[in-house]
Amino acid sequence: MNDEMEEIIQEFITEAEESLDKIEPRFVELEQKGQDASLINDIFRSMHTIKGAAGFLGLQLIVDVAHSAENIMKKIRDNEIALSKPLMDVILESIDMLRLLLIHLKEKDGVEEDVAPLVQELGNALKTAISNYGKSINPDIPIEEYPSRLKHQKPCHRSPLIQ
């Protein structure tokens, strides 16, 4: 890998880490405020930017995870599904995975994580949210009071939202 490409990848890693650092506090704000269009749009744009830059660099695992999380945020942003704690949980899992993928990229260790189960979990969460949309979800109810609609199997280990 030439020095110029190495510099571009290092810049991507830095920017992606900064974006991820901004996403988690926005979820804390969403948990407190409920459905907030500005916060949702910020999260969507961050995921979209990470996905786009990773795609340009050919980092397919990062693209797959970011794209799946971005799809959920787009549906929330477009009011096609309601934000819920299970959706936040699975998106926070994707943030953990993106961080792990960035660590591997930074350390150049050649390790490739199996992102397929997470991508499938994100897809299933989206399908469940779509099928449940409009069924007793009220945007005026705080997120922590939403009924859990998904069986969340793996808690997000870095998130202050997950108890």
N, C-alpha and C. Protein backbone atom coordinates (compact mmCIF):
# COMPACT_ATOMS: atom_id res chain seq x y z
N MET A 1 0.86 -1.17 0.00
CA MET A 1 0.00 0.00 0.00
C MET A 1 0.90 1.24 0.00
N ASN A 2 0.62 2.16 -0.90
CA ASN A 2 1.48 3.34 -0.97
C ASN A 2 1.16 4.31 0.17
N ASP A 3 2.06 5.25 0.37
CA ASP A 3 1.93 6.19 1.49
C ASP A 3 0.67 7.05 1.39
N GLU A 4 0.30 7.43 0.17
CA GLU A 4 -0.89 8.27 -0.01
C GLU A 4 -2.16 7.51 0.40
N MET A 5 -2.26 6.26 -0.01
CA MET A 5 -3.43 5.45 0.37
C MET A 5 -3.43 5.19 1.87
N GLU A 6 -2.27 4.95 2.43
CA GLU A 6 -2.16 4.75 3.87
C GLU A 6 -2.65 5.99 4.63
N GLU A 7 -2.29 7.16 4.14
CA GLU A 7 -2.73 8.41 4.76
C GLU A 7 -4.25 8.57 4.65
N ILE A 8 -4.81 8.21 3.51
CA ILE A 8 -6.26 8.31 3.31
C ILE A 8 -6.99 7.38 4.27
N ILE A 9 -6.48 6.17 4.42
CA ILE A 9 -7.11 5.20 5.33
C ILE A 9 -7.00 5.67 6.78
N GLN A 10 -5.85 6.21 7.16
CA GLN A 10 -5.70 6.72 8.52
C GLN A 10 -6.66 7.88 8.78
N GLU A 11 -6.84 8.74 7.78
CA GLU A 11 -7.79 9.85 7.91
C GLU A 11 -9.22 9.31 8.03
N PHE A 12 -9.55 8.29 7.25
CA PHE A 12 -10.87 7.67 7.35
C PHE A 12 -11.09 7.11 8.76
N ILE A 13 -10.10 6.41 9.28
CA ILE A 13 -10.22 5.82 10.62
C ILE A 13 -10.50 6.91 11.66
N THR A 14 -9.72 7.98 11.60
CA THR A 14 -9.90 9.09 12.55
C THR A 14 -11.30 9.69 12.44
N GLU A 15 -11.73 9.98 11.22
CA GLU A 15 -13.05 10.58 11.03
C GLU A 15 -14.17 9.63 11.42
N ALA A 16 -14.02 8.35 11.11
CA ALA A 16 -15.05 7.37 11.48
C ALA A 16 -15.14 7.24 13.00
N GLU A 17 -14.00 7.21 13.67
CA GLU A 17 -14.02 7.13 15.13
C GLU A 17 -14.68 8.36 15.74
N GLU A 18 -14.39 9.53 15.19
CA GLU A 18 -15.02 10.76 15.68
C GLU A 18 -16.53 10.72 15.46
N SER A 19 -16.95 10.22 14.31
CA SER A 19 -18.39 10.11 14.04
C SER A 19 -19.06 9.16 15.02
N LEU A 20 -18.43 8.02 15.27
CA LEU A 20 -19.00 7.06 16.21
C LEU A 20 -19.06 7.64 17.62
N ASP A 21 -18.03 8.41 17.99
CA ASP A 21 -18.03 9.06 19.31
C ASP A 21 -19.18 10.04 19.46
N LYS A 22 -19.64 10.61 18.36
CA LYS A 22 -20.75 11.57 18.40
C LYS A 22 -22.11 10.86 18.42
N ILE A 23 -22.17 9.66 17.87
CA ILE A 23 -23.45 8.95 17.77
C ILE A 23 -23.96 8.51 19.14
N GLU A 24 -23.11 7.90 19.93
CA GLU A 24 -23.56 7.35 21.21
C GLU A 24 -24.21 8.40 22.12
N PRO A 25 -23.61 9.59 22.30
CA PRO A 25 -24.29 10.60 23.14
C PRO A 25 -25.63 11.05 22.55
N ARG A 26 -25.75 11.00 21.23
CA ARG A 26 -27.03 11.38 20.62
C ARG A 26 -28.12 10.37 20.98
N PHE A 27 -27.75 9.11 21.11
CA PHE A 27 -28.73 8.12 21.56
C PHE A 27 -29.14 8.37 23.00
N VAL A 28 -28.20 8.80 23.83
CA VAL A 28 -28.54 9.14 25.22
C VAL A 28 -29.55 10.29 25.21
N GLU A 29 -29.29 11.30 24.36
CA GLU A 29 -30.23 12.42 24.24
C GLU A 29 -31.59 11.94 23.74
N LEU A 30 -31.59 11.04 22.75
CA LEU A 30 -32.86 10.50 22.24
C LEU A 30 -33.62 9.76 23.32
N GLU A 31 -32.88 9.04 24.16
CA GLU A 31 -33.53 8.30 25.24
C GLU A 31 -34.23 9.27 26.19
N GLN A 32 -33.62 10.44 26.39
CA GLN A 32 -34.19 11.43 27.29
C GLN A 32 -35.31 12.24 26.63
N LYS A 33 -35.12 12.60 25.37
CA LYS A 33 -36.07 13.49 24.69
C LYS A 33 -37.15 12.76 23.90
N GLY A 34 -36.90 11.52 23.55
CA GLY A 34 -37.82 10.83 22.64
C GLY A 34 -37.49 11.18 21.20
N GLN A 35 -38.43 10.95 20.33
CA GLN A 35 -38.25 11.16 18.89
C GLN A 35 -37.85 12.62 18.62
N ASP A 36 -36.62 12.86 18.20
CA ASP A 36 -36.11 14.20 17.90
C ASP A 36 -35.50 14.17 16.50
N ALA A 37 -36.14 14.88 15.58
CA ALA A 37 -35.74 14.82 14.16
C ALA A 37 -34.29 15.23 13.95
N SER A 38 -33.83 16.23 14.65
CA SER A 38 -32.46 16.71 14.46
C SER A 38 -31.44 15.65 14.90
N LEU A 39 -31.66 15.05 16.05
CA LEU A 39 -30.75 14.01 16.54
C LEU A 39 -30.76 12.79 15.62
N ILE A 40 -31.94 12.40 15.20
CA ILE A 40 -32.08 11.24 14.31
C ILE A 40 -31.35 11.52 12.99
N ASN A 41 -31.51 12.72 12.47
CA ASN A 41 -30.84 13.07 11.22
C ASN A 41 -29.33 13.09 11.40
N ASP A 42 -28.83 13.57 12.53
CA ASP A 42 -27.38 13.57 12.79
C ASP A 42 -26.83 12.15 12.79
N ILE A 43 -27.54 11.23 13.44
CA ILE A 43 -27.10 9.84 13.49
C ILE A 43 -27.11 9.24 12.09
N PHE A 44 -28.19 9.49 11.35
CA PHE A 44 -28.31 9.00 9.98
C PHE A 44 -27.14 9.50 9.14
N ARG A 45 -26.87 10.80 9.19
CA ARG A 45 -25.80 11.38 8.37
C ARG A 45 -24.44 10.80 8.74
N SER A 46 -24.20 10.58 10.01
CA SER A 46 -22.92 10.00 10.43
C SER A 46 -22.75 8.60 9.86
N MET A 47 -23.80 7.78 9.96
CA MET A 47 -23.72 6.43 9.39
C MET A 47 -23.56 6.47 7.88
N HIS A 48 -24.27 7.38 7.25
CA HIS A 48 -24.20 7.52 5.79
C HIS A 48 -22.78 7.91 5.36
N THR A 49 -22.16 8.81 6.09
CA THR A 49 -20.80 9.25 5.77
C THR A 49 -19.80 8.12 5.95
N ILE A 50 -19.92 7.38 7.04
CA ILE A 50 -19.03 6.25 7.28
C ILE A 50 -19.18 5.22 6.16
N LYS A 51 -20.43 4.90 5.82
CA LYS A 51 -20.69 3.93 4.76
C LYS A 51 -20.09 4.38 3.43
N GLY A 52 -20.33 5.63 3.08
CA GLY A 52 -19.84 6.14 1.81
C GLY A 52 -18.33 6.13 1.70
N ALA A 53 -17.66 6.61 2.74
CA ALA A 53 -16.19 6.64 2.73
C ALA A 53 -15.63 5.22 2.72
N ALA A 54 -16.23 4.32 3.49
CA ALA A 54 -15.76 2.93 3.51
C ALA A 54 -15.96 2.28 2.14
N GLY A 55 -17.07 2.60 1.49
CA GLY A 55 -17.32 2.07 0.16
C GLY A 55 -16.28 2.55 -0.84
N PHE A 56 -15.93 3.82 -0.75
CA PHE A 56 -14.91 4.39 -1.63
C PHE A 56 -13.57 3.69 -1.44
N LEU A 57 -13.28 3.29 -0.19
CA LEU A 57 -12.02 2.64 0.12
C LEU A 57 -12.07 1.12 -0.03
N GLY A 58 -13.25 0.60 -0.38
CA GLY A 58 -13.38 -0.85 -0.56
C GLY A 58 -13.40 -1.64 0.73
N LEU A 59 -13.86 -1.03 1.81
CA LEU A 59 -13.91 -1.68 3.12
C LEU A 59 -15.30 -2.27 3.31
N GLN A 60 -15.53 -3.42 2.68
CA GLN A 60 -16.87 -3.98 2.56
C GLN A 60 -17.52 -4.34 3.89
N LEU A 61 -16.77 -4.84 4.85
CA LEU A 61 -17.38 -5.21 6.14
C LEU A 61 -17.94 -3.97 6.84
N ILE A 62 -17.20 -2.87 6.78
CA ILE A 62 -17.68 -1.63 7.37
C ILE A 62 -18.90 -1.13 6.61
N VAL A 63 -18.86 -1.23 5.28
CA VAL A 63 -20.00 -0.82 4.47
C VAL A 63 -21.24 -1.62 4.85
N ASP A 64 -21.10 -2.93 4.99
CA ASP A 64 -22.25 -3.79 5.28
C ASP A 64 -22.92 -3.42 6.60
N VAL A 65 -22.11 -3.22 7.64
CA VAL A 65 -22.66 -2.89 8.95
C VAL A 65 -23.26 -1.48 8.95
N ALA A 66 -22.51 -0.52 8.43
CA ALA A 66 -23.00 0.86 8.43
C ALA A 66 -24.26 1.00 7.57
N HIS A 67 -24.29 0.31 6.44
CA HIS A 67 -25.46 0.38 5.56
C HIS A 67 -26.71 -0.17 6.24
N SER A 68 -26.56 -1.28 6.94
CA SER A 68 -27.71 -1.88 7.63
C SER A 68 -28.22 -0.98 8.75
N ALA A 69 -27.31 -0.37 9.51
CA ALA A 69 -27.72 0.56 10.57
C ALA A 69 -28.32 1.82 9.96
N GLU A 70 -27.72 2.28 8.87
CA GLU A 70 -28.23 3.47 8.18
C GLU A 70 -29.66 3.24 7.68
N ASN A 71 -29.95 2.03 7.19
CA ASN A 71 -31.31 1.73 6.71
C ASN A 71 -32.34 1.92 7.82
N ILE A 72 -32.00 1.48 9.02
CA ILE A 72 -32.92 1.66 10.15
C ILE A 72 -33.10 3.14 10.44
N MET A 73 -32.00 3.87 10.50
CA MET A 73 -32.08 5.30 10.80
C MET A 73 -32.86 6.06 9.72
N LYS A 74 -32.73 5.65 8.47
CA LYS A 74 -33.48 6.30 7.39
C LYS A 74 -34.98 6.09 7.58
N LYS A 75 -35.37 4.85 7.92
CA LYS A 75 -36.79 4.57 8.15
C LYS A 75 -37.33 5.36 9.34
N ILE A 76 -36.52 5.51 10.37
CA ILE A 76 -36.94 6.31 11.52
C ILE A 76 -37.05 7.78 11.11
N ARG A 77 -36.03 8.26 10.41
CA ARG A 77 -36.01 9.66 9.96
C ARG A 77 -37.21 9.99 9.07
N ASP A 78 -37.58 9.03 8.20
CA ASP A 78 -38.69 9.23 7.27
C ASP A 78 -40.04 8.89 7.88
N ASN A 79 -40.06 8.63 9.20
CA ASN A 79 -41.29 8.29 9.92
C ASN A 79 -41.99 7.06 9.36
N GLU A 80 -41.20 6.11 8.89
CA GLU A 80 -41.75 4.85 8.41
C GLU A 80 -41.76 3.79 9.51
N ILE A 81 -40.95 4.01 10.54
CA ILE A 81 -40.96 3.19 11.75
C ILE A 81 -40.71 4.13 12.92
N ALA A 82 -41.02 3.66 14.11
CA ALA A 82 -40.80 4.46 15.31
C ALA A 82 -39.50 4.03 16.00
N LEU A 83 -38.82 5.00 16.55
CA LEU A 83 -37.63 4.72 17.33
C LEU A 83 -38.05 3.94 18.57
N SER A 84 -37.30 2.92 18.89
CA SER A 84 -37.58 2.12 20.08
C SER A 84 -36.27 1.68 20.70
N LYS A 85 -36.35 1.25 21.93
CA LYS A 85 -35.14 0.79 22.62
C LYS A 85 -34.53 -0.42 21.91
N PRO A 86 -35.31 -1.40 21.44
CA PRO A 86 -34.68 -2.51 20.71
C PRO A 86 -33.93 -2.05 19.45
N LEU A 87 -34.45 -1.07 18.76
CA LEU A 87 -33.74 -0.56 17.59
C LEU A 87 -32.47 0.16 18.01
N MET A 88 -32.55 0.94 19.08
CA MET A 88 -31.35 1.60 19.58
C MET A 88 -30.31 0.57 19.99
N ASP A 89 -30.75 -0.50 20.65
CA ASP A 89 -29.82 -1.54 21.08
C ASP A 89 -29.05 -2.14 19.91
N VAL A 90 -29.76 -2.48 18.85
CA VAL A 90 -29.11 -3.14 17.72
C VAL A 90 -28.21 -2.15 16.96
N ILE A 91 -28.59 -0.90 16.91
CA ILE A 91 -27.72 0.09 16.26
C ILE A 91 -26.47 0.31 17.11
N LEU A 92 -26.62 0.32 18.42
CA LEU A 92 -25.44 0.44 19.28
C LEU A 92 -24.53 -0.78 19.15
N GLU A 93 -25.11 -1.96 18.92
CA GLU A 93 -24.28 -3.13 18.62
C GLU A 93 -23.48 -2.90 17.34
N SER A 94 -24.13 -2.28 16.36
CA SER A 94 -23.42 -2.03 15.10
C SER A 94 -22.28 -1.03 15.32
N ILE A 95 -22.48 -0.08 16.21
CA ILE A 95 -21.41 0.87 16.53
C ILE A 95 -20.23 0.14 17.16
N ASP A 96 -20.52 -0.79 18.07
CA ASP A 96 -19.45 -1.60 18.66
C ASP A 96 -18.69 -2.37 17.58
N MET A 97 -19.43 -2.95 16.65
CA MET A 97 -18.78 -3.72 15.58
C MET A 97 -17.95 -2.80 14.70
N LEU A 98 -18.49 -1.64 14.37
CA LEU A 98 -17.72 -0.70 13.54
C LEU A 98 -16.43 -0.30 14.25
N ARG A 99 -16.51 -0.07 15.55
CA ARG A 99 -15.29 0.25 16.31
C ARG A 99 -14.28 -0.89 16.23
N LEU A 100 -14.76 -2.11 16.36
CA LEU A 100 -13.88 -3.27 16.29
C LEU A 100 -13.24 -3.39 14.90
N LEU A 101 -14.03 -3.18 13.87
CA LEU A 101 -13.49 -3.23 12.50
C LEU A 101 -12.45 -2.13 12.29
N LEU A 102 -12.67 -0.97 12.86
CA LEU A 102 -11.70 0.12 12.75
C LEU A 102 -10.41 -0.22 13.48
N ILE A 103 -10.52 -0.88 14.62
CA ILE A 103 -9.32 -1.32 15.36
C ILE A 103 -8.50 -2.27 14.49
N HIS A 104 -9.16 -3.24 13.87
CA HIS A 104 -8.44 -4.17 13.00
C HIS A 104 -7.76 -3.44 11.85
N LEU A 105 -8.47 -2.48 11.28
CA LEU A 105 -7.92 -1.71 10.17
C LEU A 105 -6.72 -0.89 10.65
N LYS A 106 -6.85 -0.28 11.80
CA LYS A 106 -5.77 0.55 12.35
C LYS A 106 -4.54 -0.30 12.67
N GLU A 107 -4.78 -1.47 13.26
CA GLU A 107 -3.67 -2.33 13.66
C GLU A 107 -3.12 -3.17 12.52
N LYS A 108 -3.82 -3.14 11.37
CA LYS A 108 -3.40 -3.91 10.19
C LYS A 108 -3.13 -5.37 10.55
N ASP A 109 -4.02 -5.94 11.37
CA ASP A 109 -3.81 -7.30 11.84
C ASP A 109 -4.42 -8.36 10.92
N GLY A 110 -5.14 -7.92 9.90
CA GLY A 110 -5.70 -8.86 8.92
C GLY A 110 -6.90 -9.65 9.42
N VAL A 111 -7.36 -9.37 10.63
CA VAL A 111 -8.51 -10.09 11.18
C VAL A 111 -9.78 -9.58 10.51
N GLU A 112 -10.60 -10.51 10.06
CA GLU A 112 -11.90 -10.15 9.48
C GLU A 112 -12.99 -10.72 10.37
N GLU A 113 -13.77 -9.84 10.93
CA GLU A 113 -14.88 -10.24 11.78
C GLU A 113 -16.02 -10.78 10.91
N ASP A 114 -16.80 -11.70 11.48
CA ASP A 114 -18.00 -12.19 10.81
C ASP A 114 -19.14 -11.24 11.15
N VAL A 115 -19.45 -10.36 10.21
CA VAL A 115 -20.50 -9.37 10.45
C VAL A 115 -21.88 -9.88 10.03
N ALA A 116 -21.93 -11.03 9.37
CA ALA A 116 -23.21 -11.55 8.85
C ALA A 116 -24.29 -11.68 9.94
N PRO A 117 -23.99 -12.22 11.12
CA PRO A 117 -25.05 -12.32 12.14
C PRO A 117 -25.59 -10.95 12.56
N LEU A 118 -24.72 -9.96 12.68
CA LEU A 118 -25.17 -8.63 13.06
C LEU A 118 -25.98 -7.99 11.93
N VAL A 119 -25.52 -8.15 10.70
CA VAL A 119 -26.27 -7.60 9.57
C VAL A 119 -27.66 -8.23 9.51
N GLN A 120 -27.72 -9.54 9.78
CA GLN A 120 -29.02 -10.22 9.80
C GLN A 120 -29.87 -9.71 10.96
N GLU A 121 -29.26 -9.51 12.11
CA GLU A 121 -30.00 -8.99 13.27
C GLU A 121 -30.54 -7.59 12.99
N LEU A 122 -29.75 -6.75 12.33
CA LEU A 122 -30.21 -5.42 11.95
C LEU A 122 -31.39 -5.52 10.99
N GLY A 123 -31.28 -6.41 10.01
CA GLY A 123 -32.38 -6.61 9.05
C GLY A 123 -33.64 -7.11 9.73
N ASN A 124 -33.48 -8.07 10.64
CA ASN A 124 -34.64 -8.60 11.38
C ASN A 124 -35.28 -7.53 12.26
N ALA A 125 -34.45 -6.71 12.89
CA ALA A 125 -34.98 -5.63 13.73
C ALA A 125 -35.78 -4.65 12.88
N LEU A 126 -35.28 -4.36 11.70
CA LEU A 126 -35.99 -3.46 10.80
C LEU A 126 -37.32 -4.07 10.36
N LYS A 127 -37.31 -5.34 9.99
CA LYS A 127 -38.56 -6.01 9.57
C LYS A 127 -39.57 -6.03 10.71
N THR A 128 -39.11 -6.31 11.91
CA THR A 128 -40.00 -6.33 13.07
C THR A 128 -40.58 -4.94 13.32
N ALA A 129 -39.74 -3.93 13.24
CA ALA A 129 -40.20 -2.56 13.47
C ALA A 129 -41.22 -2.15 12.41
N ILE A 130 -40.98 -2.55 11.17
CA ILE A 130 -41.93 -2.23 10.10
C ILE A 130 -43.27 -2.91 10.36
N SER A 131 -43.22 -4.19 10.74
CA SER A 131 -44.47 -4.91 10.96
C SER A 131 -45.20 -4.42 12.21
N ASN A 132 -44.47 -3.87 13.17
CA ASN A 132 -45.09 -3.37 14.40
C ASN A 132 -45.45 -1.90 14.34
N TYR A 133 -45.04 -1.23 13.27
CA TYR A 133 -45.29 0.21 13.21
C TYR A 133 -46.78 0.49 13.29
N GLY A 134 -47.11 1.41 14.17
CA GLY A 134 -48.51 1.78 14.35
C GLY A 134 -49.24 0.93 15.35
N LYS A 135 -48.63 -0.14 15.82
CA LYS A 135 -49.27 -1.00 16.81
C LYS A 135 -48.81 -0.58 18.20
N SER A 136 -49.53 0.28 18.80
CA SER A 136 -49.32 0.74 20.18
C SER A 136 -48.01 1.48 20.40
N ILE A 137 -47.40 2.01 19.37
CA ILE A 137 -46.21 2.83 19.57
C ILE A 137 -46.63 4.28 19.46
N ASN A 138 -46.37 5.01 20.50
CA ASN A 138 -46.76 6.41 20.56
C ASN A 138 -45.49 7.25 20.71
N PRO A 139 -45.21 8.15 19.76
CA PRO A 139 -43.98 8.93 19.85
C PRO A 139 -43.93 9.85 21.07
N ASP A 140 -45.06 10.06 21.75
CA ASP A 140 -45.06 10.90 22.94
C ASP A 140 -44.65 10.14 24.19
N ILE A 141 -44.57 8.82 24.08
CA ILE A 141 -44.17 7.99 25.22
C ILE A 141 -42.65 7.91 25.23
N PRO A 142 -42.00 8.14 26.38
CA PRO A 142 -40.54 8.03 26.43
C PRO A 142 -40.09 6.65 25.97
N ILE A 143 -38.96 6.62 25.31
CA ILE A 143 -38.45 5.38 24.72
C ILE A 143 -38.31 4.27 25.75
N GLU A 144 -37.86 4.60 26.96
CA GLU A 144 -37.66 3.55 27.97
C GLU A 144 -38.96 2.87 28.37
N GLU A 145 -40.11 3.46 28.05
CA GLU A 145 -41.39 2.85 28.38
C GLU A 145 -41.97 2.02 27.24
N TYR A 146 -41.29 2.00 26.08
CA TYR A 146 -41.79 1.19 24.97
C TYR A 146 -41.72 -0.28 25.35
N PRO A 147 -42.69 -1.05 24.90
CA PRO A 147 -42.59 -2.49 25.13
C PRO A 147 -41.47 -3.06 24.28
N SER A 148 -40.76 -4.03 24.82
CA SER A 148 -39.69 -4.65 24.04
C SER A 148 -40.32 -5.55 22.99
N ARG A 149 -40.04 -5.29 21.73
CA ARG A 149 -40.64 -6.04 20.64
C ARG A 149 -39.67 -7.05 20.04
N LEU A 150 -38.43 -7.00 20.45
CA LEU A 150 -37.44 -7.94 19.93
C LEU A 150 -36.80 -8.66 21.11
N LYS A 151 -36.42 -9.86 20.90
CA LYS A 151 -35.66 -10.58 21.92
C LYS A 151 -34.20 -10.25 21.68
N HIS A 152 -33.70 -9.31 22.43
CA HIS A 152 -32.33 -8.85 22.26
C HIS A 152 -31.41 -9.86 22.93
N GLN A 153 -30.63 -10.55 22.13
CA GLN A 153 -29.82 -11.65 22.64
C GLN A 153 -28.46 -11.22 23.14
N LYS A 154 -27.88 -10.20 22.51
CA LYS A 154 -26.53 -9.81 22.89
C LYS A 154 -26.55 -8.35 23.34
N PRO A 155 -26.34 -8.09 24.63
CA PRO A 155 -26.33 -6.70 25.06
C PRO A 155 -25.12 -5.97 24.49
N CYS A 156 -25.30 -4.74 24.20
CA CYS A 156 -24.22 -3.89 23.71
C CYS A 156 -23.32 -3.57 24.90
N HIS A 157 -22.10 -3.99 24.87
CA HIS A 157 -21.25 -3.91 26.05
C HIS A 157 -20.68 -2.53 26.34
N ARG A 158 -20.77 -1.61 25.40
CA ARG A 158 -20.20 -0.28 25.62
C ARG A 158 -21.25 0.78 25.89
N SER A 159 -22.48 0.47 25.72
CA SER A 159 -23.51 1.50 25.75
C SER A 159 -24.03 1.75 27.16
N PRO A 160 -24.12 3.02 27.55
CA PRO A 160 -24.72 3.33 28.84
C PRO A 160 -26.24 3.16 28.80
N LEU A 161 -26.80 2.97 27.61
CA LEU A 161 -28.27 2.83 27.49
C LEU A 161 -28.73 1.45 27.91
N ILE A 162 -27.91 0.46 27.77
CA ILE A 162 -28.30 -0.93 27.98
C ILE A 162 -27.97 -1.30 29.42
N GLN A 163 -28.96 -1.70 30.11
CA GLN A 163 -28.77 -2.08 31.51
C GLN A 163 -28.57 -3.56 31.64
